[in-house]
Amino acid sequence: MRFVWLTALGGLAVVMVVFTPYMLRTVSAWEAVSWLVMLVAAFAGVAVFVRTELLLRRIKRAVDRDASGT
Protein backbone atom coordinates (compact mmCIF):
# COMPACT_ATOMS: atom_id res chain seq x y z
CA MET A 1 0.00 0.00 0.00
CA ARG A 2 2.84 2.40 0.76
CA PHE A 3 4.27 1.83 -2.70
CA VAL A 4 0.98 2.99 -4.21
CA TRP A 5 1.07 6.18 -2.12
CA LEU A 6 4.68 6.86 -3.04
CA THR A 7 3.92 6.33 -6.72
CA ALA A 8 0.92 8.65 -6.54
CA LEU A 9 2.93 11.33 -4.75
CA GLY A 10 5.75 11.02 -7.28
CA GLY A 11 3.32 11.41 -10.16
CA LEU A 12 1.69 14.38 -8.45
CA ALA A 13 5.09 16.00 -7.93
CA VAL A 14 5.96 15.63 -11.61
CA VAL A 15 2.63 17.12 -12.66
CA MET A 16 3.03 20.02 -10.23
CA VAL A 17 6.57 20.78 -11.43
CA VAL A 18 5.39 20.85 -15.02
CA PHE A 19 2.27 22.97 -14.48
CA THR A 20 3.27 25.22 -11.57
CA PRO A 21 5.06 27.83 -13.73
CA TYR A 22 1.92 28.26 -15.79
CA MET A 23 -0.37 28.35 -12.78
CA LEU A 24 1.73 30.78 -10.75
CA ARG A 25 2.81 32.77 -13.83
CA THR A 26 6.37 32.93 -12.58
CA VAL A 27 9.37 34.13 -14.50
CA SER A 28 11.49 31.04 -14.04
CA ALA A 29 10.98 27.36 -13.34
CA TRP A 30 13.29 27.64 -10.30
CA GLU A 31 10.96 30.13 -8.69
CA ALA A 32 8.08 27.73 -9.25
CA VAL A 33 10.10 24.87 -7.80
CA SER A 34 10.87 26.94 -4.72
CA TRP A 35 7.16 27.59 -4.22
CA LEU A 36 6.49 23.89 -4.67
CA VAL A 37 9.14 22.99 -2.09
CA MET A 38 7.65 25.43 0.40
CA LEU A 39 4.17 24.03 -0.12
CA VAL A 40 5.38 20.45 0.26
CA ALA A 41 7.30 21.36 3.43
CA ALA A 42 4.23 23.02 4.91
CA PHE A 43 2.08 20.01 4.07
CA ALA A 44 4.67 17.62 5.50
CA GLY A 45 4.88 19.67 8.69
CA VAL A 46 1.13 19.55 9.18
CA ALA A 47 1.14 15.81 8.48
CA VAL A 48 3.85 15.29 11.12
CA PHE A 49 1.85 17.25 13.69
CA VAL A 50 -1.32 15.26 12.94
CA ARG A 51 0.52 11.94 13.10
CA THR A 52 2.16 12.91 16.40
CA GLU A 53 -1.20 13.90 17.86
CA LEU A 54 -2.75 10.60 16.82
CA LEU A 55 0.17 8.66 18.30
CA LEU A 56 -0.06 10.55 21.60
CA ARG A 57 -3.81 9.87 21.79
CA ARG A 58 -3.22 6.16 21.17
CA ILE A 59 -0.58 6.04 23.91
CA LYS A 60 -2.87 7.87 26.35
CA ARG A 61 -5.74 5.45 25.65
CA ALA A 62 -3.42 2.49 26.24
CA VAL A 63 -2.22 3.98 29.55
CA ASP A 64 -5.77 4.77 30.65
CA ARG A 65 -6.92 1.26 29.74
CA ASP A 66 -4.07 -0.29 31.74
CA ALA A 67 -4.75 1.98 34.75
CA SER A 68 -8.48 1.19 34.81
CA GLY A 69 -7.84 -2.56 34.55
CA THR A 70 -5.91 -2.73 37.84
C-alpha atoms as a PDB file:
ATOM      1  CA  MET A   1       0.000   0.000   0.000  1.00  0.00           C
ATOM      2  CA  ARG A   2       2.844   2.398   0.758  1.00  0.00           C
ATOM      3  CA  PHE A   3       4.268   1.826  -2.700  1.00  0.00           C
ATOM      4  CA  VAL A   4       0.981   2.990  -4.209  1.00  0.00           C
ATOM      5  CA  TRP A   5       1.067   6.180  -2.125  1.00  0.00           C
ATOM      6  CA  LEU A   6       4.681   6.855  -3.043  1.00  0.00           C
ATOM      7  CA  THR A   7       3.924   6.325  -6.717  1.00  0.00           C
ATOM      8  CA  ALA A   8       0.921   8.649  -6.537  1.00  0.00           C
ATOM      9  CA  LEU A   9       2.935  11.333  -4.751  1.00  0.00           C
ATOM     10  CA  GLY A  10       5.750  11.019  -7.277  1.00  0.00           C
ATOM     11  CA  GLY A  11       3.325  11.410 -10.160  1.00  0.00           C
ATOM     12  CA  LEU A  12       1.693  14.383  -8.450  1.00  0.00           C
ATOM     13  CA  ALA A  13       5.094  15.998  -7.933  1.00  0.00           C
ATOM     14  CA  VAL A  14       5.958  15.634 -11.611  1.00  0.00           C
ATOM     15  CA  VAL A  15       2.628  17.123 -12.663  1.00  0.00           C
ATOM     16  CA  MET A  16       3.028  20.018 -10.231  1.00  0.00           C
ATOM     17  CA  VAL A  17       6.573  20.777 -11.427  1.00  0.00           C
ATOM     18  CA  VAL A  18       5.390  20.854 -15.022  1.00  0.00           C
ATOM     19  CA  PHE A  19       2.265  22.970 -14.484  1.00  0.00           C
ATOM     20  CA  THR A  20       3.272  25.222 -11.566  1.00  0.00           C
ATOM     21  CA  PRO A  21       5.063  27.834 -13.728  1.00  0.00           C
ATOM     22  CA  TYR A  22       1.918  28.261 -15.788  1.00  0.00           C
ATOM     23  CA  MET A  23      -0.369  28.349 -12.775  1.00  0.00           C
ATOM     24  CA  LEU A  24       1.733  30.780 -10.747  1.00  0.00           C
ATOM     25  CA  ARG A  25       2.813  32.772 -13.825  1.00  0.00           C
ATOM     26  CA  THR A  26       6.368  32.933 -12.578  1.00  0.00           C
ATOM     27  CA  VAL A  27       9.367  34.127 -14.503  1.00  0.00           C
ATOM     28  CA  SER A  28      11.492  31.036 -14.039  1.00  0.00           C
ATOM     29  CA  ALA A  29      10.984  27.365 -13.336  1.00  0.00           C
ATOM     30  CA  TRP A  30      13.293  27.637 -10.304  1.00  0.00           C
ATOM     31  CA  GLU A  31      10.959  30.130  -8.691  1.00  0.00           C
ATOM     32  CA  ALA A  32       8.077  27.726  -9.253  1.00  0.00           C
ATOM     33  CA  VAL A  33      10.095  24.870  -7.801  1.00  0.00           C
ATOM     34  CA  SER A  34      10.874  26.937  -4.718  1.00  0.00           C
ATOM     35  CA  TRP A  35       7.163  27.587  -4.222  1.00  0.00           C
ATOM     36  CA  LEU A  36       6.489  23.893  -4.666  1.00  0.00           C
ATOM     37  CA  VAL A  37       9.142  22.988  -2.094  1.00  0.00           C
ATOM     38  CA  MET A  38       7.653  25.433   0.404  1.00  0.00           C
ATOM     39  CA  LEU A  39       4.169  24.030  -0.119  1.00  0.00           C
ATOM     40  CA  VAL A  40       5.376  20.447   0.263  1.00  0.00           C
ATOM     41  CA  ALA A  41       7.303  21.361   3.427  1.00  0.00           C
ATOM     42  CA  ALA A  42       4.230  23.020   4.913  1.00  0.00           C
ATOM     43  CA  PHE A  43       2.076  20.005   4.069  1.00  0.00           C
ATOM     44  CA  ALA A  44       4.668  17.616   5.504  1.00  0.00           C
ATOM     45  CA  GLY A  45       4.884  19.673   8.694  1.00  0.00           C
ATOM     46  CA  VAL A  46       1.128  19.550   9.178  1.00  0.00           C
ATOM     47  CA  ALA A  47       1.137  15.810   8.485  1.00  0.00           C
ATOM     48  CA  VAL A  48       3.846  15.289  11.118  1.00  0.00           C
ATOM     49  CA  PHE A  49       1.845  17.245  13.692  1.00  0.00           C
ATOM     50  CA  VAL A  50      -1.317  15.259  12.938  1.00  0.00           C
ATOM     51  CA  ARG A  51       0.523  11.936  13.097  1.00  0.00           C
ATOM     52  CA  THR A  52       2.157  12.906  16.398  1.00  0.00           C
ATOM     53  CA  GLU A  53      -1.203  13.898  17.864  1.00  0.00           C
ATOM     54  CA  LEU A  54      -2.754  10.596  16.824  1.00  0.00           C
ATOM     55  CA  LEU A  55       0.170   8.663  18.298  1.00  0.00           C
ATOM     56  CA  LEU A  56      -0.057  10.548  21.599  1.00  0.00           C
ATOM     57  CA  ARG A  57      -3.805   9.869  21.794  1.00  0.00           C
ATOM     58  CA  ARG A  58      -3.218   6.161  21.170  1.00  0.00           C
ATOM     59  CA  ILE A  59      -0.577   6.042  23.911  1.00  0.00           C
ATOM     60  CA  LYS A  60      -2.871   7.872  26.346  1.00  0.00           C
ATOM     61  CA  ARG A  61      -5.736   5.448  25.646  1.00  0.00           C
ATOM     62  CA  ALA A  62      -3.422   2.492  26.238  1.00  0.00           C
ATOM     63  CA  VAL A  63      -2.218   3.976  29.553  1.00  0.00           C
ATOM     64  CA  ASP A  64      -5.770   4.767  30.652  1.00  0.00           C
ATOM     65  CA  ARG A  65      -6.919   1.262  29.745  1.00  0.00           C
ATOM     66  CA  ASP A  66      -4.072  -0.286  31.744  1.00  0.00           C
ATOM     67  CA  ALA A  67      -4.747   1.977  34.754  1.00  0.00           C
ATOM     68  CA  SER A  68      -8.481   1.189  34.815  1.00  0.00           C
ATOM     69  CA  GLY A  69      -7.841  -2.561  34.552  1.00  0.00           C
ATOM     70  CA  THR A  70      -5.909  -2.725  37.842  1.00  0.00           C
END
